[in-house]
Amino acid sequence: MNADTIFIFLCIAVTAIIIVYYLKREKKLIYVLTGALTGSAALFIINRYGTVFSLEINLNLFNIIGSVILGVPFVVFLVIMNFL
């Protein structure tokens, strides 16, 4: 198993967990928007200030969509995969 396969499996697992989390909430739209906002903010902060910690995460379509849909856990996985 290479790092890309592990990353895909982890994204699928986190997606399932986040979907279950959002479906159990009473105010679904607010939680979805909050997750999208925090995920995209985390990605932009890591992109802007990550060079201080030797992190280089590019802003491409995959990373932006992933951080908007999955939120902060996606950005954490990107950081972890950057060190592998």
N, C-alpha and C. Protein backbone atom coordinates (compact mmCIF):
# COMPACT_ATOMS: atom_id res chain seq x y z
N MET A 1 0.83 -1.17 0.00
CA MET A 1 0.00 0.00 0.00
C MET A 1 0.88 1.24 0.00
N ASN A 2 0.65 2.08 -0.95
CA ASN A 2 1.43 3.31 -0.98
C ASN A 2 0.67 4.45 -0.29
N ALA A 3 1.31 5.60 -0.19
CA ALA A 3 0.74 6.72 0.54
C ALA A 3 -0.54 7.24 -0.12
N ASP A 4 -0.62 7.19 -1.45
CA ASP A 4 -1.83 7.68 -2.13
C ASP A 4 -3.04 6.82 -1.82
N THR A 5 -2.86 5.51 -1.77
CA THR A 5 -3.96 4.61 -1.45
C THR A 5 -4.45 4.83 -0.02
N ILE A 6 -3.51 4.99 0.90
CA ILE A 6 -3.88 5.26 2.29
C ILE A 6 -4.66 6.57 2.38
N PHE A 7 -4.21 7.58 1.65
CA PHE A 7 -4.87 8.88 1.66
C PHE A 7 -6.30 8.77 1.14
N ILE A 8 -6.51 8.02 0.08
CA ILE A 8 -7.86 7.85 -0.48
C ILE A 8 -8.77 7.13 0.51
N PHE A 9 -8.27 6.07 1.14
CA PHE A 9 -9.08 5.35 2.12
C PHE A 9 -9.42 6.23 3.31
N LEU A 10 -8.48 7.03 3.77
CA LEU A 10 -8.75 7.92 4.89
C LEU A 10 -9.76 8.99 4.52
N CYS A 11 -9.68 9.51 3.30
CA CYS A 11 -10.66 10.51 2.85
C CYS A 11 -12.06 9.90 2.78
N ILE A 12 -12.16 8.68 2.32
CA ILE A 12 -13.46 8.01 2.26
C ILE A 12 -14.02 7.80 3.66
N ALA A 13 -13.17 7.39 4.59
CA ALA A 13 -13.61 7.17 5.96
C ALA A 13 -14.06 8.48 6.61
N VAL A 14 -13.29 9.53 6.42
CA VAL A 14 -13.65 10.83 7.01
C VAL A 14 -14.92 11.37 6.37
N THR A 15 -15.10 11.16 5.07
CA THR A 15 -16.32 11.61 4.39
C THR A 15 -17.54 10.92 4.99
N ALA A 16 -17.45 9.63 5.23
CA ALA A 16 -18.57 8.89 5.82
C ALA A 16 -18.87 9.40 7.23
N ILE A 17 -17.83 9.65 8.00
CA ILE A 17 -18.03 10.15 9.36
C ILE A 17 -18.67 11.53 9.35
N ILE A 18 -18.22 12.40 8.46
CA ILE A 18 -18.75 13.75 8.40
C ILE A 18 -20.20 13.75 7.91
N ILE A 19 -20.52 12.88 6.97
CA ILE A 19 -21.91 12.80 6.48
C ILE A 19 -22.84 12.36 7.62
N VAL A 20 -22.43 11.36 8.38
CA VAL A 20 -23.23 10.91 9.51
C VAL A 20 -23.37 12.03 10.54
N TYR A 21 -22.27 12.75 10.77
CA TYR A 21 -22.30 13.86 11.73
C TYR A 21 -23.29 14.94 11.29
N TYR A 22 -23.24 15.32 10.03
CA TYR A 22 -24.14 16.37 9.54
C TYR A 22 -25.60 15.91 9.53
N LEU A 23 -25.85 14.65 9.24
CA LEU A 23 -27.23 14.17 9.20
C LEU A 23 -27.87 14.11 10.59
N LYS A 24 -27.06 13.97 11.63
CA LYS A 24 -27.60 13.90 12.99
C LYS A 24 -27.86 15.28 13.59
N ARG A 25 -27.37 16.30 12.98
CA ARG A 25 -27.53 17.66 13.51
C ARG A 25 -28.90 18.22 13.20
N GLU A 26 -29.38 19.09 14.06
CA GLU A 26 -30.68 19.71 13.87
C GLU A 26 -30.61 20.81 12.81
N LYS A 27 -29.58 21.64 12.88
CA LYS A 27 -29.40 22.73 11.92
C LYS A 27 -28.31 22.34 10.93
N LYS A 28 -28.67 21.54 9.96
CA LYS A 28 -27.70 20.96 9.04
C LYS A 28 -26.96 22.01 8.22
N LEU A 29 -27.66 22.98 7.70
CA LEU A 29 -27.04 23.96 6.82
C LEU A 29 -25.98 24.80 7.55
N ILE A 30 -26.26 25.16 8.78
CA ILE A 30 -25.29 25.94 9.54
C ILE A 30 -24.02 25.14 9.78
N TYR A 31 -24.17 23.85 10.11
CA TYR A 31 -23.00 23.02 10.35
C TYR A 31 -22.21 22.77 9.07
N VAL A 32 -22.88 22.60 7.96
CA VAL A 32 -22.19 22.41 6.68
C VAL A 32 -21.42 23.67 6.31
N LEU A 33 -22.04 24.82 6.45
CA LEU A 33 -21.35 26.07 6.12
C LEU A 33 -20.19 26.35 7.06
N THR A 34 -20.36 26.04 8.33
CA THR A 34 -19.27 26.22 9.29
C THR A 34 -18.11 25.30 8.97
N GLY A 35 -18.39 24.05 8.62
CA GLY A 35 -17.34 23.11 8.25
C GLY A 35 -16.60 23.53 7.00
N ALA A 36 -17.35 24.03 6.02
CA ALA A 36 -16.72 24.50 4.78
C ALA A 36 -15.86 25.71 5.03
N LEU A 37 -16.33 26.63 5.86
CA LEU A 37 -15.57 27.84 6.15
C LEU A 37 -14.29 27.53 6.92
N THR A 38 -14.39 26.69 7.94
CA THR A 38 -13.20 26.37 8.73
C THR A 38 -12.20 25.55 7.92
N GLY A 39 -12.68 24.65 7.08
CA GLY A 39 -11.78 23.86 6.24
C GLY A 39 -11.03 24.71 5.23
N SER A 40 -11.75 25.61 4.58
CA SER A 40 -11.08 26.46 3.60
C SER A 40 -10.15 27.45 4.28
N ALA A 41 -10.52 27.95 5.45
CA ALA A 41 -9.64 28.86 6.19
C ALA A 41 -8.36 28.14 6.63
N ALA A 42 -8.50 26.90 7.08
CA ALA A 42 -7.31 26.13 7.48
C ALA A 42 -6.38 25.89 6.29
N LEU A 43 -6.97 25.59 5.13
CA LEU A 43 -6.15 25.37 3.93
C LEU A 43 -5.41 26.64 3.54
N PHE A 44 -6.08 27.76 3.54
CA PHE A 44 -5.44 29.01 3.16
C PHE A 44 -4.37 29.43 4.17
N ILE A 45 -4.60 29.18 5.46
CA ILE A 45 -3.60 29.51 6.47
C ILE A 45 -2.37 28.62 6.32
N ILE A 46 -2.57 27.33 6.09
CA ILE A 46 -1.45 26.42 5.88
C ILE A 46 -0.70 26.79 4.61
N ASN A 47 -1.42 27.17 3.58
CA ASN A 47 -0.77 27.56 2.33
C ASN A 47 0.06 28.83 2.53
N ARG A 48 -0.47 29.78 3.27
CA ARG A 48 0.19 31.07 3.44
C ARG A 48 1.37 30.99 4.41
N TYR A 49 1.18 30.34 5.55
CA TYR A 49 2.18 30.33 6.60
C TYR A 49 2.84 28.97 6.81
N GLY A 50 2.57 28.01 5.97
CA GLY A 50 3.14 26.68 6.12
C GLY A 50 4.62 26.61 5.84
N THR A 51 5.14 27.55 5.08
CA THR A 51 6.57 27.52 4.77
C THR A 51 7.43 27.72 6.01
N VAL A 52 6.87 28.32 7.04
CA VAL A 52 7.60 28.48 8.31
C VAL A 52 7.91 27.11 8.91
N PHE A 53 7.00 26.15 8.73
CA PHE A 53 7.16 24.80 9.27
C PHE A 53 7.53 23.79 8.21
N SER A 54 8.02 24.22 7.07
CA SER A 54 8.42 23.38 5.95
C SER A 54 7.24 22.62 5.34
N LEU A 55 6.08 23.23 5.36
CA LEU A 55 4.89 22.64 4.73
C LEU A 55 4.64 23.36 3.42
N GLU A 56 4.42 22.59 2.39
CA GLU A 56 4.07 23.20 1.12
C GLU A 56 2.85 22.48 0.55
N ILE A 57 1.70 23.09 0.76
CA ILE A 57 0.44 22.55 0.24
C ILE A 57 -0.08 23.54 -0.79
N ASN A 58 -0.17 23.09 -2.00
CA ASN A 58 -0.60 23.97 -3.09
C ASN A 58 -2.12 24.16 -3.07
N LEU A 59 -2.53 25.30 -3.58
CA LEU A 59 -3.96 25.55 -3.76
C LEU A 59 -4.34 25.09 -5.17
N ASN A 60 -4.85 23.89 -5.25
CA ASN A 60 -5.36 23.40 -6.52
C ASN A 60 -6.82 22.99 -6.33
N LEU A 61 -7.46 22.61 -7.39
CA LEU A 61 -8.89 22.31 -7.34
C LEU A 61 -9.21 21.17 -6.38
N PHE A 62 -8.39 20.14 -6.37
CA PHE A 62 -8.62 18.99 -5.49
C PHE A 62 -8.55 19.42 -4.02
N ASN A 63 -7.52 20.17 -3.66
CA ASN A 63 -7.35 20.59 -2.27
C ASN A 63 -8.45 21.54 -1.83
N ILE A 64 -8.85 22.44 -2.69
CA ILE A 64 -9.90 23.40 -2.33
C ILE A 64 -11.24 22.70 -2.15
N ILE A 65 -11.60 21.83 -3.10
CA ILE A 65 -12.87 21.12 -2.98
C ILE A 65 -12.86 20.18 -1.78
N GLY A 66 -11.74 19.50 -1.57
CA GLY A 66 -11.63 18.60 -0.42
C GLY A 66 -11.76 19.33 0.90
N SER A 67 -11.14 20.50 1.01
CA SER A 67 -11.22 21.23 2.27
C SER A 67 -12.60 21.83 2.48
N VAL A 68 -13.30 22.18 1.40
CA VAL A 68 -14.66 22.71 1.55
C VAL A 68 -15.64 21.61 1.93
N ILE A 69 -15.50 20.45 1.33
CA ILE A 69 -16.44 19.35 1.60
C ILE A 69 -16.11 18.66 2.93
N LEU A 70 -14.84 18.34 3.15
CA LEU A 70 -14.46 17.56 4.32
C LEU A 70 -14.04 18.41 5.51
N GLY A 71 -13.66 19.65 5.27
CA GLY A 71 -13.31 20.54 6.37
C GLY A 71 -11.89 20.36 6.86
N VAL A 72 -11.70 20.64 8.13
CA VAL A 72 -10.38 20.63 8.74
C VAL A 72 -9.73 19.24 8.73
N PRO A 73 -10.46 18.13 8.91
CA PRO A 73 -9.81 16.83 8.85
C PRO A 73 -9.08 16.58 7.52
N PHE A 74 -9.60 17.09 6.43
CA PHE A 74 -8.93 16.94 5.14
C PHE A 74 -7.60 17.69 5.15
N VAL A 75 -7.58 18.88 5.71
CA VAL A 75 -6.34 19.66 5.76
C VAL A 75 -5.33 18.97 6.68
N VAL A 76 -5.79 18.38 7.76
CA VAL A 76 -4.89 17.64 8.65
C VAL A 76 -4.28 16.46 7.91
N PHE A 77 -5.08 15.74 7.13
CA PHE A 77 -4.55 14.63 6.35
C PHE A 77 -3.55 15.12 5.30
N LEU A 78 -3.79 16.26 4.71
CA LEU A 78 -2.83 16.83 3.76
C LEU A 78 -1.49 17.12 4.44
N VAL A 79 -1.55 17.66 5.64
CA VAL A 79 -0.32 17.95 6.37
C VAL A 79 0.41 16.66 6.71
N ILE A 80 -0.33 15.65 7.17
CA ILE A 80 0.28 14.37 7.49
C ILE A 80 0.90 13.74 6.26
N MET A 81 0.19 13.78 5.14
CA MET A 81 0.72 13.19 3.91
C MET A 81 1.92 13.97 3.40
N ASN A 82 2.02 15.23 3.74
CA ASN A 82 3.16 16.03 3.32
C ASN A 82 4.43 15.54 4.02
N PHE A 83 4.30 15.06 5.24
CA PHE A 83 5.46 14.58 5.97
C PHE A 83 5.84 13.15 5.62
N LEU A 84 4.95 12.38 5.01
CA LEU A 84 5.26 11.00 4.64
C LEU A 84 6.07 10.96 3.41
